[in-house]
Amino acid sequence: MANICSVNIRVKSVDDASAQKLFDRLTALQKEADAQHIGLFIGSERYLFEAAIENCGTAVKVDGWVKWGVLSGEKLG
């Protein structure tokens, strides 16, 4: 049985327009994933399940769960 981990991702952008572009792309990918009954691919061989994507002005918030994921609160990149 897979280890299930909740993830909360917040991507800050330089402006509202950039955040909106990311939000639009993620929601389009989520619709495709839902139609195929698969998770949303988020890289590194990880898929996000039951994703909730929210536009927060200059940021995009993504919540959901992954299989076998270990993430910490540290900033990456």
N, C-alpha and C. Protein backbone atom coordinates (compact mmCIF):
# COMPACT_ATOMS: atom_id res chain seq x y z
N MET A 1 0.85 -1.17 0.00
CA MET A 1 0.00 0.00 0.00
C MET A 1 0.89 1.24 0.00
N ALA A 2 0.50 2.22 -0.78
CA ALA A 2 1.29 3.44 -0.91
C ALA A 2 1.15 4.33 0.33
N ASN A 3 2.23 5.02 0.62
CA ASN A 3 2.23 6.05 1.66
C ASN A 3 1.57 7.29 1.06
N ILE A 4 0.56 7.82 1.69
CA ILE A 4 -0.17 8.97 1.16
C ILE A 4 0.20 10.21 1.96
N CYS A 5 0.60 11.27 1.24
CA CYS A 5 1.01 12.51 1.89
C CYS A 5 0.22 13.67 1.33
N SER A 6 -0.32 14.49 2.20
CA SER A 6 -0.97 15.73 1.77
C SER A 6 0.08 16.74 1.40
N VAL A 7 -0.20 17.51 0.35
CA VAL A 7 0.72 18.57 -0.05
C VAL A 7 -0.07 19.86 -0.22
N ASN A 8 0.58 20.94 0.14
CA ASN A 8 0.04 22.28 -0.03
C ASN A 8 1.13 23.08 -0.73
N ILE A 9 0.85 23.53 -1.94
CA ILE A 9 1.83 24.23 -2.75
C ILE A 9 1.32 25.65 -3.00
N ARG A 10 2.18 26.62 -2.82
CA ARG A 10 1.83 28.02 -3.13
C ARG A 10 2.93 28.57 -4.02
N VAL A 11 2.55 28.95 -5.24
CA VAL A 11 3.50 29.49 -6.21
C VAL A 11 3.24 30.99 -6.32
N LYS A 12 4.23 31.78 -5.93
CA LYS A 12 4.11 33.24 -6.01
C LYS A 12 4.59 33.69 -7.39
N SER A 13 3.91 34.68 -7.93
CA SER A 13 4.22 35.21 -9.25
C SER A 13 4.58 36.69 -9.14
N VAL A 14 5.12 37.22 -10.23
CA VAL A 14 5.50 38.63 -10.22
C VAL A 14 4.29 39.55 -10.37
N ASP A 15 3.20 39.03 -10.95
CA ASP A 15 2.01 39.85 -11.13
C ASP A 15 0.77 38.97 -11.29
N ASP A 16 -0.39 39.62 -11.27
CA ASP A 16 -1.66 38.90 -11.39
C ASP A 16 -1.79 38.16 -12.72
N ALA A 17 -1.30 38.77 -13.80
CA ALA A 17 -1.43 38.16 -15.13
C ALA A 17 -0.65 36.85 -15.22
N SER A 18 0.54 36.82 -14.67
CA SER A 18 1.35 35.60 -14.67
C SER A 18 0.69 34.50 -13.83
N ALA A 19 0.16 34.89 -12.69
CA ALA A 19 -0.54 33.93 -11.83
C ALA A 19 -1.78 33.39 -12.54
N GLN A 20 -2.50 34.25 -13.24
CA GLN A 20 -3.69 33.81 -13.97
C GLN A 20 -3.32 32.82 -15.06
N LYS A 21 -2.21 33.07 -15.75
CA LYS A 21 -1.75 32.17 -16.81
C LYS A 21 -1.43 30.79 -16.23
N LEU A 22 -0.73 30.76 -15.09
CA LEU A 22 -0.44 29.49 -14.43
C LEU A 22 -1.71 28.81 -13.97
N PHE A 23 -2.62 29.55 -13.37
CA PHE A 23 -3.89 28.99 -12.91
C PHE A 23 -4.66 28.37 -14.08
N ASP A 24 -4.74 29.09 -15.21
CA ASP A 24 -5.45 28.58 -16.38
C ASP A 24 -4.82 27.29 -16.89
N ARG A 25 -3.50 27.25 -16.94
CA ARG A 25 -2.80 26.05 -17.43
C ARG A 25 -3.01 24.87 -16.49
N LEU A 26 -2.90 25.10 -15.20
CA LEU A 26 -3.10 24.00 -14.24
C LEU A 26 -4.54 23.48 -14.25
N THR A 27 -5.52 24.38 -14.36
CA THR A 27 -6.91 23.91 -14.39
C THR A 27 -7.20 23.15 -15.68
N ALA A 28 -6.58 23.54 -16.80
CA ALA A 28 -6.74 22.79 -18.05
C ALA A 28 -6.13 21.40 -17.92
N LEU A 29 -4.94 21.32 -17.34
CA LEU A 29 -4.31 20.02 -17.12
C LEU A 29 -5.13 19.15 -16.16
N GLN A 30 -5.73 19.79 -15.15
CA GLN A 30 -6.56 19.05 -14.20
C GLN A 30 -7.78 18.46 -14.90
N LYS A 31 -8.40 19.23 -15.80
CA LYS A 31 -9.56 18.72 -16.55
C LYS A 31 -9.18 17.52 -17.40
N GLU A 32 -8.01 17.57 -18.05
CA GLU A 32 -7.52 16.45 -18.85
C GLU A 32 -7.28 15.22 -17.96
N ALA A 33 -6.66 15.44 -16.82
CA ALA A 33 -6.38 14.34 -15.89
C ALA A 33 -7.68 13.72 -15.38
N ASP A 34 -8.66 14.56 -15.03
CA ASP A 34 -9.95 14.06 -14.56
C ASP A 34 -10.65 13.24 -15.64
N ALA A 35 -10.58 13.70 -16.88
CA ALA A 35 -11.23 12.98 -17.99
C ALA A 35 -10.61 11.60 -18.19
N GLN A 36 -9.31 11.47 -17.89
CA GLN A 36 -8.62 10.20 -18.05
C GLN A 36 -8.58 9.39 -16.75
N HIS A 37 -9.17 9.94 -15.69
CA HIS A 37 -9.20 9.29 -14.37
C HIS A 37 -7.80 9.00 -13.85
N ILE A 38 -6.92 10.01 -13.99
CA ILE A 38 -5.55 9.91 -13.48
C ILE A 38 -5.26 11.15 -12.65
N GLY A 39 -4.14 11.13 -11.97
CA GLY A 39 -3.74 12.30 -11.20
C GLY A 39 -3.12 13.36 -12.09
N LEU A 40 -2.99 14.56 -11.56
CA LEU A 40 -2.36 15.68 -12.25
C LEU A 40 -0.84 15.53 -12.12
N PHE A 41 -0.13 15.44 -13.24
CA PHE A 41 1.32 15.28 -13.22
C PHE A 41 1.96 16.56 -12.71
N ILE A 42 2.79 16.44 -11.66
CA ILE A 42 3.46 17.62 -11.10
C ILE A 42 4.98 17.47 -11.12
N GLY A 43 5.47 16.56 -11.93
CA GLY A 43 6.92 16.40 -12.09
C GLY A 43 7.52 15.38 -11.14
N SER A 44 8.78 15.05 -11.42
CA SER A 44 9.54 14.15 -10.56
C SER A 44 8.81 12.83 -10.32
N GLU A 45 8.14 12.34 -11.36
CA GLU A 45 7.37 11.09 -11.28
C GLU A 45 6.25 11.15 -10.24
N ARG A 46 5.76 12.34 -9.95
CA ARG A 46 4.70 12.52 -8.96
C ARG A 46 3.41 12.98 -9.63
N TYR A 47 2.32 12.48 -9.10
CA TYR A 47 0.99 12.87 -9.55
C TYR A 47 0.21 13.37 -8.35
N LEU A 48 -0.54 14.43 -8.56
CA LEU A 48 -1.35 15.02 -7.50
C LEU A 48 -2.79 14.56 -7.69
N PHE A 49 -3.38 14.04 -6.62
CA PHE A 49 -4.74 13.53 -6.68
C PHE A 49 -5.68 14.45 -5.88
N GLU A 50 -6.93 14.49 -6.34
CA GLU A 50 -7.96 15.33 -5.71
C GLU A 50 -7.47 16.76 -5.55
N ALA A 51 -6.90 17.28 -6.62
CA ALA A 51 -6.30 18.62 -6.59
C ALA A 51 -7.36 19.70 -6.45
N ALA A 52 -7.04 20.69 -5.64
CA ALA A 52 -7.83 21.91 -5.51
C ALA A 52 -6.90 23.05 -5.89
N ILE A 53 -7.25 23.76 -6.97
CA ILE A 53 -6.40 24.83 -7.49
C ILE A 53 -7.12 26.15 -7.29
N GLU A 54 -6.42 27.12 -6.71
CA GLU A 54 -7.05 28.41 -6.39
C GLU A 54 -6.15 29.56 -6.82
N ASN A 55 -6.73 30.55 -7.48
CA ASN A 55 -6.00 31.77 -7.84
C ASN A 55 -6.12 32.74 -6.67
N CYS A 56 -4.98 33.19 -6.15
CA CYS A 56 -4.95 34.09 -5.00
C CYS A 56 -4.29 35.41 -5.37
N GLY A 57 -4.67 35.98 -6.48
CA GLY A 57 -4.07 37.25 -6.91
C GLY A 57 -2.73 37.04 -7.57
N THR A 58 -1.64 37.30 -6.84
CA THR A 58 -0.31 37.11 -7.40
C THR A 58 0.27 35.74 -7.07
N ALA A 59 -0.55 34.83 -6.57
CA ALA A 59 -0.10 33.47 -6.26
C ALA A 59 -1.17 32.47 -6.68
N VAL A 60 -0.71 31.24 -6.86
CA VAL A 60 -1.62 30.13 -7.14
C VAL A 60 -1.40 29.09 -6.05
N LYS A 61 -2.48 28.65 -5.45
CA LYS A 61 -2.43 27.66 -4.37
C LYS A 61 -2.94 26.34 -4.91
N VAL A 62 -2.19 25.26 -4.65
CA VAL A 62 -2.57 23.93 -5.12
C VAL A 62 -2.49 22.99 -3.92
N ASP A 63 -3.58 22.33 -3.64
CA ASP A 63 -3.65 21.35 -2.54
C ASP A 63 -4.07 20.01 -3.10
N GLY A 64 -3.65 18.94 -2.45
CA GLY A 64 -4.05 17.60 -2.86
C GLY A 64 -3.23 16.58 -2.10
N TRP A 65 -3.10 15.38 -2.69
CA TRP A 65 -2.29 14.35 -2.06
C TRP A 65 -1.49 13.60 -3.11
N VAL A 66 -0.36 13.04 -2.68
CA VAL A 66 0.53 12.28 -3.55
C VAL A 66 0.82 10.93 -2.90
N LYS A 67 1.26 9.99 -3.72
CA LYS A 67 1.70 8.69 -3.22
C LYS A 67 3.21 8.75 -3.01
N TRP A 68 3.67 8.28 -1.88
CA TRP A 68 5.08 8.17 -1.58
C TRP A 68 5.79 9.50 -1.66
N GLY A 69 5.20 10.54 -1.18
CA GLY A 69 5.84 11.85 -1.23
C GLY A 69 6.32 12.28 0.13
N VAL A 70 7.52 12.82 0.16
CA VAL A 70 8.03 13.41 1.39
C VAL A 70 8.46 14.83 1.05
N LEU A 71 7.73 15.79 1.53
CA LEU A 71 8.04 17.19 1.28
C LEU A 71 8.13 17.91 2.61
N SER A 72 8.94 18.93 2.65
CA SER A 72 9.04 19.71 3.88
C SER A 72 8.60 21.15 3.56
N GLY A 73 8.59 21.98 4.56
CA GLY A 73 8.19 23.36 4.38
C GLY A 73 9.30 24.25 3.83
N GLU A 74 10.42 23.67 3.45
CA GLU A 74 11.52 24.50 2.95
C GLU A 74 11.27 24.95 1.52
N LYS A 75 11.87 26.07 1.15
CA LYS A 75 11.73 26.59 -0.20
C LYS A 75 12.68 25.86 -1.12
N LEU A 76 12.19 25.52 -2.29
CA LEU A 76 13.02 24.85 -3.30
C LEU A 76 13.32 25.82 -4.42
N GLY A 77 14.52 25.76 -4.95
CA GLY A 77 14.91 26.56 -6.12
C GLY A 77 15.23 27.93 -5.85
